Amino acid sequence: MAGSVSPLWQRVYLKTAGLPQWSENVQFLTEWGRNANSGCDYNALDLSKVEKGSRRCSLLPNGRHARSYPDTQTAANAFADQLNLTDYPHLREALAGGHPYAASVVAGVGLDLEKWGSTRWQAAYLKQTTGSGQGAGDTGSGRVPSSQNVSGAWTRLQRTFAVEGHKTIVELRKSAANLRRIERRLRRA
């Protein structure tokens, strides 16, 4: 975590995103900041959302670039914008409910953290919440293990469906909208 982050940054991030500022959410963000992959200015959570005045800082495991921000509020805006993307539904839901450590959300939050690019926090979070040295099929390195065991193969399949399934749904919706437009044009002709 960058040293230039305000000590109350967690509450600013949560407030800006419209999330409860409960102690469990503050703790979650604090621990995430301690386990971030990047060390960018005013960016405790591996944020990659472009905001006015931000610049590239370091490459994240998801292929995106973490960004440096000019101040805490700009970073909080980036957090709110990035969190509200459809890519992180489990993370958003867990923070909105104020219980990101609840057993019922751990797997989904773990997947969202990987998509976010925070693999160090993902590994630490899964270790903390599952009580083992590894998450479900996770090696702790942020990489998906080889398919030599059933757990690793199942985890890889779940991650693929989570990422590819969402992309497929989006593509199908776009195609359906295009077909409806074509149908309306044909009816007018």
N, C-alpha and C. Protein backbone atom coordinates (compact mmCIF):
# COMPACT_ATOMS: atom_id res chain seq x y z
N MET A 1 0.85 -1.17 0.00
CA MET A 1 0.00 0.00 0.00
C MET A 1 0.89 1.22 0.00
N ALA A 2 0.51 2.22 -0.75
CA ALA A 2 1.29 3.44 -0.85
C ALA A 2 1.23 4.20 0.46
N GLY A 3 2.34 4.82 0.82
CA GLY A 3 2.41 5.56 2.06
C GLY A 3 1.61 6.86 2.02
N SER A 4 1.22 7.30 0.85
CA SER A 4 0.53 8.58 0.74
C SER A 4 -0.99 8.45 0.85
N VAL A 5 -1.48 7.35 1.37
CA VAL A 5 -2.92 7.14 1.52
C VAL A 5 -3.34 7.62 2.90
N SER A 6 -4.40 8.38 2.96
CA SER A 6 -4.93 8.95 4.20
C SER A 6 -5.33 7.83 5.17
N PRO A 7 -5.15 8.04 6.50
CA PRO A 7 -5.54 7.00 7.46
C PRO A 7 -7.05 6.73 7.48
N LEU A 8 -7.85 7.65 6.98
CA LEU A 8 -9.30 7.45 6.94
C LEU A 8 -9.79 7.11 5.53
N TRP A 9 -8.89 6.70 4.68
CA TRP A 9 -9.24 6.43 3.28
C TRP A 9 -10.35 5.38 3.17
N GLN A 10 -10.36 4.39 4.07
CA GLN A 10 -11.36 3.33 3.98
C GLN A 10 -12.78 3.91 4.05
N ARG A 11 -13.00 4.80 4.98
CA ARG A 11 -14.32 5.41 5.14
C ARG A 11 -14.69 6.29 3.95
N VAL A 12 -13.70 6.98 3.39
CA VAL A 12 -13.96 7.81 2.20
C VAL A 12 -14.34 6.91 1.02
N TYR A 13 -13.63 5.80 0.84
CA TYR A 13 -13.95 4.86 -0.24
C TYR A 13 -15.37 4.32 -0.07
N LEU A 14 -15.68 3.86 1.14
CA LEU A 14 -17.00 3.26 1.40
C LEU A 14 -18.12 4.28 1.21
N LYS A 15 -17.93 5.47 1.75
CA LYS A 15 -18.96 6.51 1.62
C LYS A 15 -19.19 6.88 0.16
N THR A 16 -18.11 7.05 -0.60
CA THR A 16 -18.23 7.42 -2.00
C THR A 16 -18.95 6.34 -2.80
N ALA A 17 -18.72 5.08 -2.45
CA ALA A 17 -19.38 3.97 -3.14
C ALA A 17 -20.78 3.70 -2.62
N GLY A 18 -21.22 4.44 -1.60
CA GLY A 18 -22.55 4.24 -1.04
C GLY A 18 -22.67 2.96 -0.24
N LEU A 19 -21.58 2.57 0.42
CA LEU A 19 -21.55 1.33 1.19
C LEU A 19 -21.51 1.62 2.68
N PRO A 20 -21.99 0.69 3.50
CA PRO A 20 -21.94 0.91 4.95
C PRO A 20 -20.50 1.03 5.45
N GLN A 21 -20.28 1.96 6.36
CA GLN A 21 -18.95 2.18 6.92
C GLN A 21 -18.76 1.37 8.20
N TRP A 22 -19.26 0.18 8.22
CA TRP A 22 -19.20 -0.69 9.38
C TRP A 22 -17.79 -1.22 9.56
N SER A 23 -17.47 -1.62 10.77
CA SER A 23 -16.12 -2.04 11.11
C SER A 23 -15.62 -3.21 10.25
N GLU A 24 -16.52 -4.13 9.91
CA GLU A 24 -16.09 -5.28 9.10
C GLU A 24 -15.68 -4.84 7.69
N ASN A 25 -16.40 -3.88 7.11
CA ASN A 25 -16.01 -3.35 5.80
C ASN A 25 -14.69 -2.59 5.89
N VAL A 26 -14.52 -1.78 6.95
CA VAL A 26 -13.28 -1.03 7.14
C VAL A 26 -12.11 -2.01 7.30
N GLN A 27 -12.32 -3.06 8.08
CA GLN A 27 -11.28 -4.08 8.28
C GLN A 27 -10.93 -4.75 6.95
N PHE A 28 -11.95 -5.09 6.16
CA PHE A 28 -11.73 -5.74 4.87
C PHE A 28 -10.87 -4.86 3.96
N LEU A 29 -11.21 -3.57 3.86
CA LEU A 29 -10.43 -2.67 3.02
C LEU A 29 -9.02 -2.46 3.57
N THR A 30 -8.89 -2.38 4.89
CA THR A 30 -7.57 -2.22 5.50
C THR A 30 -6.67 -3.40 5.17
N GLU A 31 -7.19 -4.61 5.35
CA GLU A 31 -6.41 -5.81 5.05
C GLU A 31 -6.13 -5.93 3.56
N TRP A 32 -7.07 -5.53 2.74
CA TRP A 32 -6.86 -5.53 1.29
C TRP A 32 -5.69 -4.60 0.96
N GLY A 33 -5.69 -3.42 1.56
CA GLY A 33 -4.61 -2.47 1.35
C GLY A 33 -3.26 -3.02 1.76
N ARG A 34 -3.22 -3.76 2.84
CA ARG A 34 -1.96 -4.38 3.31
C ARG A 34 -1.47 -5.46 2.35
N ASN A 35 -2.38 -6.05 1.61
CA ASN A 35 -2.05 -7.16 0.71
C ASN A 35 -2.19 -6.79 -0.77
N ALA A 36 -2.16 -5.52 -1.08
CA ALA A 36 -2.32 -5.08 -2.47
C ALA A 36 -1.10 -5.49 -3.29
N ASN A 37 -1.32 -5.70 -4.58
CA ASN A 37 -0.23 -6.05 -5.49
C ASN A 37 0.57 -4.83 -5.92
N SER A 38 -0.06 -3.67 -5.89
CA SER A 38 0.60 -2.45 -6.38
C SER A 38 0.89 -1.52 -5.22
N GLY A 39 1.72 -0.56 -5.44
CA GLY A 39 2.04 0.43 -4.43
C GLY A 39 1.90 1.83 -5.01
N CYS A 40 0.79 2.09 -5.65
CA CYS A 40 0.58 3.35 -6.36
C CYS A 40 0.08 4.44 -5.41
N ASP A 41 0.34 5.69 -5.76
CA ASP A 41 -0.09 6.83 -4.94
C ASP A 41 -1.61 6.86 -4.80
N TYR A 42 -2.06 7.02 -3.57
CA TYR A 42 -3.48 7.12 -3.21
C TYR A 42 -4.30 5.94 -3.74
N ASN A 43 -3.66 4.80 -3.92
CA ASN A 43 -4.35 3.63 -4.45
C ASN A 43 -4.01 2.44 -3.58
N ALA A 44 -4.83 2.19 -2.58
CA ALA A 44 -4.57 1.10 -1.66
C ALA A 44 -5.11 -0.24 -2.15
N LEU A 45 -5.98 -0.23 -3.17
CA LEU A 45 -6.71 -1.45 -3.52
C LEU A 45 -6.51 -1.91 -4.96
N ASP A 46 -5.36 -1.70 -5.54
CA ASP A 46 -5.10 -2.15 -6.91
C ASP A 46 -6.15 -1.63 -7.89
N LEU A 47 -6.57 -0.40 -7.73
CA LEU A 47 -7.56 0.20 -8.61
C LEU A 47 -6.98 0.39 -10.00
N SER A 48 -7.78 0.11 -11.02
CA SER A 48 -7.33 0.29 -12.40
C SER A 48 -8.25 1.21 -13.20
N LYS A 49 -9.24 1.76 -12.56
CA LYS A 49 -10.22 2.63 -13.23
C LYS A 49 -9.58 3.98 -13.53
N VAL A 50 -9.71 4.41 -14.78
CA VAL A 50 -9.15 5.70 -15.20
C VAL A 50 -10.02 6.82 -14.65
N GLU A 51 -9.40 7.77 -14.00
CA GLU A 51 -10.05 8.98 -13.50
C GLU A 51 -9.20 10.16 -13.93
N LYS A 52 -9.80 11.33 -13.99
CA LYS A 52 -9.07 12.53 -14.38
C LYS A 52 -7.89 12.73 -13.43
N GLY A 53 -6.71 12.92 -14.00
CA GLY A 53 -5.50 13.13 -13.22
C GLY A 53 -4.77 11.85 -12.84
N SER A 54 -5.34 10.68 -13.17
CA SER A 54 -4.67 9.42 -12.83
C SER A 54 -3.67 9.06 -13.91
N ARG A 55 -2.72 8.20 -13.53
CA ARG A 55 -1.74 7.72 -14.51
C ARG A 55 -1.38 6.28 -14.18
N ARG A 56 -0.90 5.57 -15.20
CA ARG A 56 -0.50 4.18 -15.00
C ARG A 56 0.61 4.09 -13.97
N CYS A 57 0.55 3.02 -13.18
CA CYS A 57 1.56 2.84 -12.14
C CYS A 57 2.25 1.48 -12.27
N SER A 58 1.48 0.40 -12.18
CA SER A 58 2.10 -0.93 -12.27
C SER A 58 1.11 -1.92 -12.88
N LEU A 59 1.66 -2.95 -13.50
CA LEU A 59 0.85 -3.98 -14.15
C LEU A 59 0.31 -4.95 -13.11
N LEU A 60 -0.98 -5.25 -13.20
CA LEU A 60 -1.64 -6.18 -12.29
C LEU A 60 -1.70 -7.57 -12.94
N PRO A 61 -1.90 -8.62 -12.15
CA PRO A 61 -1.98 -9.98 -12.70
C PRO A 61 -3.11 -10.18 -13.71
N ASN A 62 -4.15 -9.33 -13.70
CA ASN A 62 -5.25 -9.48 -14.64
C ASN A 62 -4.97 -8.79 -15.98
N GLY A 63 -3.78 -8.21 -16.13
CA GLY A 63 -3.40 -7.56 -17.38
C GLY A 63 -3.71 -6.07 -17.42
N ARG A 64 -4.44 -5.57 -16.44
CA ARG A 64 -4.74 -4.13 -16.37
C ARG A 64 -3.61 -3.44 -15.62
N HIS A 65 -3.62 -2.13 -15.71
CA HIS A 65 -2.62 -1.34 -14.98
C HIS A 65 -3.25 -0.67 -13.76
N ALA A 66 -2.63 -0.86 -12.60
CA ALA A 66 -3.02 -0.10 -11.42
C ALA A 66 -2.65 1.35 -11.70
N ARG A 67 -3.37 2.27 -11.10
CA ARG A 67 -3.17 3.68 -11.38
C ARG A 67 -2.79 4.45 -10.13
N SER A 68 -2.03 5.51 -10.33
CA SER A 68 -1.76 6.48 -9.28
C SER A 68 -2.79 7.59 -9.42
N TYR A 69 -3.30 8.07 -8.30
CA TYR A 69 -4.32 9.11 -8.30
C TYR A 69 -3.79 10.36 -7.60
N PRO A 70 -4.32 11.52 -7.94
CA PRO A 70 -3.80 12.75 -7.34
C PRO A 70 -4.21 12.96 -5.88
N ASP A 71 -5.28 12.30 -5.43
CA ASP A 71 -5.73 12.47 -4.05
C ASP A 71 -6.67 11.32 -3.67
N THR A 72 -7.01 11.27 -2.38
CA THR A 72 -7.85 10.19 -1.86
C THR A 72 -9.24 10.20 -2.49
N GLN A 73 -9.84 11.37 -2.68
CA GLN A 73 -11.20 11.44 -3.22
C GLN A 73 -11.25 10.93 -4.66
N THR A 74 -10.24 11.25 -5.45
CA THR A 74 -10.20 10.75 -6.83
C THR A 74 -10.09 9.23 -6.82
N ALA A 75 -9.27 8.70 -5.92
CA ALA A 75 -9.14 7.23 -5.80
C ALA A 75 -10.46 6.63 -5.32
N ALA A 76 -11.15 7.30 -4.41
CA ALA A 76 -12.45 6.82 -3.93
C ALA A 76 -13.47 6.80 -5.07
N ASN A 77 -13.42 7.81 -5.93
CA ASN A 77 -14.30 7.83 -7.10
C ASN A 77 -14.00 6.64 -8.01
N ALA A 78 -12.71 6.35 -8.20
CA ALA A 78 -12.31 5.21 -9.02
C ALA A 78 -12.80 3.91 -8.40
N PHE A 79 -12.69 3.79 -7.07
CA PHE A 79 -13.17 2.60 -6.37
C PHE A 79 -14.67 2.41 -6.59
N ALA A 80 -15.43 3.48 -6.42
CA ALA A 80 -16.88 3.40 -6.60
C ALA A 80 -17.22 3.03 -8.03
N ASP A 81 -16.56 3.66 -8.99
CA ASP A 81 -16.83 3.36 -10.41
C ASP A 81 -16.46 1.92 -10.74
N GLN A 82 -15.29 1.48 -10.30
CA GLN A 82 -14.83 0.13 -10.62
C GLN A 82 -15.70 -0.93 -9.93
N LEU A 83 -16.05 -0.70 -8.68
CA LEU A 83 -16.86 -1.66 -7.94
C LEU A 83 -18.25 -1.81 -8.54
N ASN A 84 -18.78 -0.76 -9.11
CA ASN A 84 -20.13 -0.80 -9.67
C ASN A 84 -20.19 -1.37 -11.07
N LEU A 85 -19.04 -1.77 -11.64
CA LEU A 85 -19.06 -2.49 -12.91
C LEU A 85 -19.72 -3.85 -12.68
N THR A 86 -20.27 -4.43 -13.71
CA THR A 86 -20.92 -5.73 -13.56
C THR A 86 -19.92 -6.87 -13.36
N ASP A 87 -18.62 -6.57 -13.42
CA ASP A 87 -17.60 -7.61 -13.29
C ASP A 87 -17.42 -8.11 -11.85
N TYR A 88 -17.92 -7.39 -10.86
CA TYR A 88 -17.64 -7.71 -9.46
C TYR A 88 -18.91 -7.82 -8.61
N PRO A 89 -19.88 -8.62 -9.02
CA PRO A 89 -21.16 -8.64 -8.30
C PRO A 89 -21.06 -9.18 -6.88
N HIS A 90 -20.21 -10.18 -6.65
CA HIS A 90 -20.11 -10.79 -5.32
C HIS A 90 -19.42 -9.84 -4.34
N LEU A 91 -18.38 -9.18 -4.81
CA LEU A 91 -17.66 -8.22 -3.97
C LEU A 91 -18.57 -7.06 -3.60
N ARG A 92 -19.31 -6.55 -4.55
CA ARG A 92 -20.23 -5.45 -4.31
C ARG A 92 -21.32 -5.87 -3.30
N GLU A 93 -21.88 -7.05 -3.52
CA GLU A 93 -22.94 -7.55 -2.64
C GLU A 93 -22.42 -7.76 -1.21
N ALA A 94 -21.21 -8.31 -1.08
CA ALA A 94 -20.64 -8.57 0.25
C ALA A 94 -20.40 -7.28 1.01
N LEU A 95 -19.87 -6.26 0.33
CA LEU A 95 -19.63 -4.97 0.98
C LEU A 95 -20.94 -4.23 1.25
N ALA A 96 -21.90 -4.34 0.35
CA ALA A 96 -23.19 -3.69 0.55
C ALA A 96 -23.90 -4.27 1.76
N GLY A 97 -23.72 -5.56 2.00
CA GLY A 97 -24.32 -6.21 3.16
C GLY A 97 -23.53 -5.98 4.44
N GLY A 98 -22.31 -5.47 4.28
CA GLY A 98 -21.48 -5.17 5.45
C GLY A 98 -20.82 -6.38 6.08
N HIS A 99 -20.83 -7.52 5.37
CA HIS A 99 -20.25 -8.74 5.93
C HIS A 99 -19.39 -9.47 4.89
N PRO A 100 -18.26 -8.89 4.49
CA PRO A 100 -17.44 -9.51 3.44
C PRO A 100 -16.72 -10.79 3.87
N TYR A 101 -16.77 -11.12 5.16
CA TYR A 101 -16.14 -12.35 5.63
C TYR A 101 -17.14 -13.48 5.86
N ALA A 102 -18.41 -13.25 5.56
CA ALA A 102 -19.43 -14.28 5.77
C ALA A 102 -19.15 -15.49 4.87
N ALA A 103 -19.32 -16.66 5.42
CA ALA A 103 -19.00 -17.90 4.69
C ALA A 103 -19.76 -18.02 3.38
N SER A 104 -20.96 -17.48 3.32
CA SER A 104 -21.78 -17.63 2.11
C SER A 104 -21.26 -16.82 0.93
N VAL A 105 -20.36 -15.88 1.15
CA VAL A 105 -19.88 -15.03 0.05
C VAL A 105 -18.42 -15.26 -0.31
N VAL A 106 -17.71 -16.07 0.45
CA VAL A 106 -16.27 -16.22 0.29
C VAL A 106 -15.85 -16.63 -1.12
N ALA A 107 -16.46 -17.64 -1.69
CA ALA A 107 -16.05 -18.12 -3.01
C ALA A 107 -16.24 -17.04 -4.08
N GLY A 108 -17.39 -16.40 -4.08
CA GLY A 108 -17.66 -15.36 -5.07
C GLY A 108 -16.74 -14.16 -4.91
N VAL A 109 -16.51 -13.74 -3.67
CA VAL A 109 -15.60 -12.62 -3.42
C VAL A 109 -14.19 -12.99 -3.88
N GLY A 110 -13.79 -14.22 -3.62
CA GLY A 110 -12.47 -14.69 -4.07
C GLY A 110 -12.32 -14.59 -5.59
N LEU A 111 -13.33 -15.00 -6.32
CA LEU A 111 -13.29 -14.89 -7.78
C LEU A 111 -13.25 -13.44 -8.23
N ASP A 112 -14.03 -12.59 -7.59
CA ASP A 112 -14.04 -11.18 -7.96
C ASP A 112 -12.71 -10.51 -7.67
N LEU A 113 -12.05 -10.88 -6.58
CA LEU A 113 -10.74 -10.32 -6.27
C LEU A 113 -9.71 -10.71 -7.33
N GLU A 114 -9.83 -11.92 -7.83
CA GLU A 114 -8.92 -12.35 -8.91
C GLU A 114 -9.17 -11.52 -10.16
N LYS A 115 -10.44 -11.34 -10.53
CA LYS A 115 -10.76 -10.52 -11.71
C LYS A 115 -10.29 -9.09 -11.50
N TRP A 116 -10.38 -8.58 -10.29
CA TRP A 116 -9.97 -7.22 -9.95
C TRP A 116 -8.47 -7.03 -10.18
N GLY A 117 -7.70 -8.13 -9.97
CA GLY A 117 -6.25 -8.06 -10.09
C GLY A 117 -5.55 -8.09 -8.76
N SER A 118 -6.30 -8.37 -7.69
CA SER A 118 -5.74 -8.39 -6.34
C SER A 118 -5.50 -9.83 -5.87
N THR A 119 -4.59 -10.51 -6.53
CA THR A 119 -4.36 -11.92 -6.22
C THR A 119 -3.68 -12.14 -4.87
N ARG A 120 -2.85 -11.18 -4.43
CA ARG A 120 -2.25 -11.32 -3.09
C ARG A 120 -3.33 -11.25 -2.02
N TRP A 121 -4.27 -10.31 -2.15
CA TRP A 121 -5.36 -10.21 -1.18
C TRP A 121 -6.29 -11.40 -1.31
N GLN A 122 -6.52 -11.86 -2.54
CA GLN A 122 -7.37 -13.03 -2.74
C GLN A 122 -6.81 -14.22 -1.95
N ALA A 123 -5.51 -14.47 -2.08
CA ALA A 123 -4.89 -15.61 -1.39
C ALA A 123 -4.97 -15.44 0.13
N ALA A 124 -4.68 -14.23 0.63
CA ALA A 124 -4.74 -13.98 2.08
C ALA A 124 -6.18 -14.08 2.59
N TYR A 125 -7.11 -13.54 1.82
CA TYR A 125 -8.54 -13.57 2.19
C TYR A 125 -9.04 -15.01 2.26
N LEU A 126 -8.74 -15.80 1.24
CA LEU A 126 -9.19 -17.19 1.23
C LEU A 126 -8.55 -17.99 2.35
N LYS A 127 -7.28 -17.72 2.63
CA LYS A 127 -6.61 -18.41 3.73
C LYS A 127 -7.29 -18.05 5.06
N GLN A 128 -7.59 -16.79 5.23
CA GLN A 128 -8.22 -16.33 6.47
C GLN A 128 -9.64 -16.86 6.62
N THR A 129 -10.41 -16.88 5.55
CA THR A 129 -11.82 -17.26 5.65
C THR A 129 -12.06 -18.76 5.59
N THR A 130 -11.18 -19.50 4.91
CA THR A 130 -11.38 -20.94 4.81
C THR A 130 -10.65 -21.69 5.92
N GLY A 131 -9.73 -20.99 6.62
CA GLY A 131 -9.02 -21.61 7.72
C GLY A 131 -7.92 -22.54 7.29
N SER A 132 -7.63 -22.58 6.00
CA SER A 132 -6.54 -23.44 5.53
C SER A 132 -5.50 -22.58 4.84
N GLY A 133 -4.41 -23.19 4.51
CA GLY A 133 -3.34 -22.48 3.81
C GLY A 133 -3.69 -22.17 2.38
N GLN A 134 -4.76 -22.74 1.88
CA GLN A 134 -5.14 -22.54 0.49
C GLN A 134 -6.64 -22.35 0.40
N GLY A 135 -7.04 -21.56 -0.59
CA GLY A 135 -8.46 -21.46 -0.91
C GLY A 135 -8.86 -22.70 -1.68
N ALA A 136 -10.06 -22.77 -2.12
CA ALA A 136 -10.55 -23.92 -2.88
C ALA A 136 -9.75 -24.08 -4.15
N GLY A 137 -8.75 -24.94 -4.11
CA GLY A 137 -7.94 -25.20 -5.30
C GLY A 137 -6.89 -24.14 -5.55
N ASP A 138 -6.72 -23.17 -4.69
CA ASP A 138 -5.75 -22.10 -4.89
C ASP A 138 -4.43 -22.50 -4.27
N THR A 139 -3.35 -22.17 -4.93
CA THR A 139 -2.02 -22.48 -4.44
C THR A 139 -1.48 -21.40 -3.54
N GLY A 140 -2.20 -20.27 -3.41
CA GLY A 140 -1.72 -19.16 -2.62
C GLY A 140 -0.87 -18.21 -3.43
N SER A 141 -0.52 -18.59 -4.64
CA SER A 141 0.31 -17.73 -5.48
C SER A 141 -0.52 -16.86 -6.39
N GLY A 142 -1.83 -17.04 -6.39
CA GLY A 142 -2.69 -16.29 -7.28
C GLY A 142 -2.87 -16.97 -8.61
N ARG A 143 -2.18 -18.09 -8.83
CA ARG A 143 -2.31 -18.82 -10.08
C ARG A 143 -3.22 -20.02 -9.89
N VAL A 144 -3.89 -20.39 -10.95
CA VAL A 144 -4.75 -21.57 -10.91
C VAL A 144 -3.85 -22.79 -11.01
N PRO A 145 -4.01 -23.79 -10.14
CA PRO A 145 -3.16 -24.97 -10.18
C PRO A 145 -3.44 -25.83 -11.41
N SER A 146 -2.50 -26.70 -11.72
CA SER A 146 -2.71 -27.60 -12.85
C SER A 146 -3.82 -28.58 -12.50
N SER A 147 -4.35 -29.24 -13.49
CA SER A 147 -5.51 -30.12 -13.29
C SER A 147 -5.10 -31.51 -12.83
N GLN A 148 -4.10 -31.60 -11.97
CA GLN A 148 -3.66 -32.90 -11.47
C GLN A 148 -4.57 -33.41 -10.35
N ASN A 149 -5.38 -32.53 -9.80
CA ASN A 149 -6.31 -32.99 -8.77
C ASN A 149 -7.70 -32.45 -9.08
N VAL A 150 -8.68 -33.09 -8.52
CA VAL A 150 -10.07 -32.75 -8.81
C VAL A 150 -10.39 -31.34 -8.33
N SER A 151 -9.93 -30.96 -7.15
CA SER A 151 -10.22 -29.64 -6.61
C SER A 151 -9.68 -28.54 -7.52
N GLY A 152 -8.45 -28.69 -7.99
CA GLY A 152 -7.85 -27.70 -8.89
C GLY A 152 -8.59 -27.61 -10.21
N ALA A 153 -8.97 -28.75 -10.76
CA ALA A 153 -9.71 -28.76 -12.02
C ALA A 153 -11.08 -28.11 -11.85
N TRP A 154 -11.74 -28.41 -10.75
CA TRP A 154 -13.06 -27.83 -10.50
C TRP A 154 -12.96 -26.32 -10.33
N THR A 155 -11.96 -25.85 -9.60
CA THR A 155 -11.77 -24.42 -9.40
C THR A 155 -11.53 -23.72 -10.73
N ARG A 156 -10.69 -24.31 -11.56
CA ARG A 156 -10.42 -23.71 -12.88
C ARG A 156 -11.69 -23.64 -13.72
N LEU A 157 -12.49 -24.70 -13.69
CA LEU A 157 -13.74 -24.72 -14.44
C LEU A 157 -14.70 -23.64 -13.92
N GLN A 158 -14.81 -23.48 -12.60
CA GLN A 158 -15.67 -22.45 -12.03
C GLN A 158 -15.22 -21.05 -12.44
N ARG A 159 -13.92 -20.81 -12.41
CA ARG A 159 -13.40 -19.50 -12.79
C ARG A 159 -13.66 -19.22 -14.26
N THR A 160 -13.47 -20.22 -15.09
CA THR A 160 -13.72 -20.05 -16.52
C THR A 160 -15.19 -19.72 -16.77
N PHE A 161 -16.09 -20.44 -16.12
CA PHE A 161 -17.52 -20.15 -16.29
C PHE A 161 -17.87 -18.77 -15.78
N ALA A 162 -17.26 -18.36 -14.66
CA ALA A 162 -17.56 -17.04 -14.10
C ALA A 162 -17.17 -15.94 -15.08
N VAL A 163 -16.00 -16.06 -15.68
CA VAL A 163 -15.52 -15.02 -16.61
C VAL A 163 -16.18 -15.16 -17.97
N GLU A 164 -16.09 -16.34 -18.56
CA GLU A 164 -16.61 -16.54 -19.91
C GLU A 164 -18.14 -16.51 -19.95
N GLY A 165 -18.77 -17.00 -18.90
CA GLY A 165 -20.24 -17.00 -18.85
C GLY A 165 -20.78 -15.58 -18.89
N HIS A 166 -20.16 -14.69 -18.15
CA HIS A 166 -20.59 -13.29 -18.14
C HIS A 166 -20.41 -12.68 -19.53
N LYS A 167 -19.27 -12.93 -20.15
CA LYS A 167 -19.02 -12.39 -21.49
C LYS A 167 -20.06 -12.92 -22.48
N THR A 168 -20.40 -14.20 -22.38
CA THR A 168 -21.37 -14.80 -23.27
C THR A 168 -22.75 -14.17 -23.08
N ILE A 169 -23.14 -13.95 -21.85
CA ILE A 169 -24.44 -13.33 -21.58
C ILE A 169 -24.50 -11.93 -22.17
N VAL A 170 -23.44 -11.17 -21.99
CA VAL A 170 -23.38 -9.81 -22.55
C VAL A 170 -23.49 -9.86 -24.07
N GLU A 171 -22.75 -10.78 -24.70
CA GLU A 171 -22.79 -10.90 -26.16
C GLU A 171 -24.18 -11.32 -26.64
N LEU A 172 -24.82 -12.23 -25.91
CA LEU A 172 -26.17 -12.67 -26.30
C LEU A 172 -27.17 -11.52 -26.19
N ARG A 173 -27.06 -10.72 -25.16
CA ARG A 173 -27.95 -9.56 -25.02
C ARG A 173 -27.75 -8.57 -26.15
N LYS A 174 -26.51 -8.32 -26.52
CA LYS A 174 -26.23 -7.41 -27.64
C LYS A 174 -26.80 -7.97 -28.94
N SER A 175 -26.61 -9.27 -29.15
CA SER A 175 -27.14 -9.89 -30.36
C SER A 175 -28.65 -9.83 -30.41
N ALA A 176 -29.29 -10.08 -29.28
CA ALA A 176 -30.76 -10.01 -29.23
C ALA A 176 -31.24 -8.60 -29.52
N ALA A 177 -30.55 -7.60 -28.99
CA ALA A 177 -30.93 -6.20 -29.26
C ALA A 177 -30.76 -5.88 -30.74
N ASN A 178 -29.68 -6.36 -31.34
CA ASN A 178 -29.47 -6.14 -32.78
C ASN A 178 -30.55 -6.81 -33.62
N LEU A 179 -30.93 -8.03 -33.23
CA LEU A 179 -31.99 -8.73 -33.96
C LEU A 179 -33.32 -8.00 -33.84
N ARG A 180 -33.61 -7.44 -32.67
CA ARG A 180 -34.85 -6.67 -32.51
C ARG A 180 -34.83 -5.43 -33.40
N ARG A 181 -33.69 -4.77 -33.50
CA ARG A 181 -33.58 -3.59 -34.37
C ARG A 181 -33.80 -3.97 -35.84
N ILE A 182 -33.20 -5.08 -36.24
CA ILE A 182 -33.37 -5.55 -37.63
C ILE A 182 -34.83 -5.89 -37.89
N GLU A 183 -35.46 -6.56 -36.93
CA GLU A 183 -36.86 -6.92 -37.06
C GLU A 183 -37.75 -5.67 -37.22
N ARG A 184 -37.49 -4.64 -36.42
CA ARG A 184 -38.27 -3.39 -36.53
C ARG A 184 -38.07 -2.74 -37.89
N ARG A 185 -36.85 -2.75 -38.39
CA ARG A 185 -36.57 -2.17 -39.70
C ARG A 185 -37.29 -2.91 -40.81
N LEU A 186 -37.30 -4.26 -40.68
CA LEU A 186 -37.98 -5.06 -41.70
C LEU A 186 -39.50 -4.82 -41.68
N ARG A 187 -40.06 -4.62 -40.50
CA ARG A 187 -41.49 -4.37 -40.40
C ARG A 187 -41.86 -3.03 -41.04
N ARG A 188 -40.96 -2.05 -40.93
CA ARG A 188 -41.22 -0.73 -41.53
C ARG A 188 -41.11 -0.77 -43.04
N ALA A 189 -40.30 -1.67 -43.55
CA ALA A 189 -40.08 -1.72 -45.02
C ALA A 189 -41.21 -2.34 -45.77
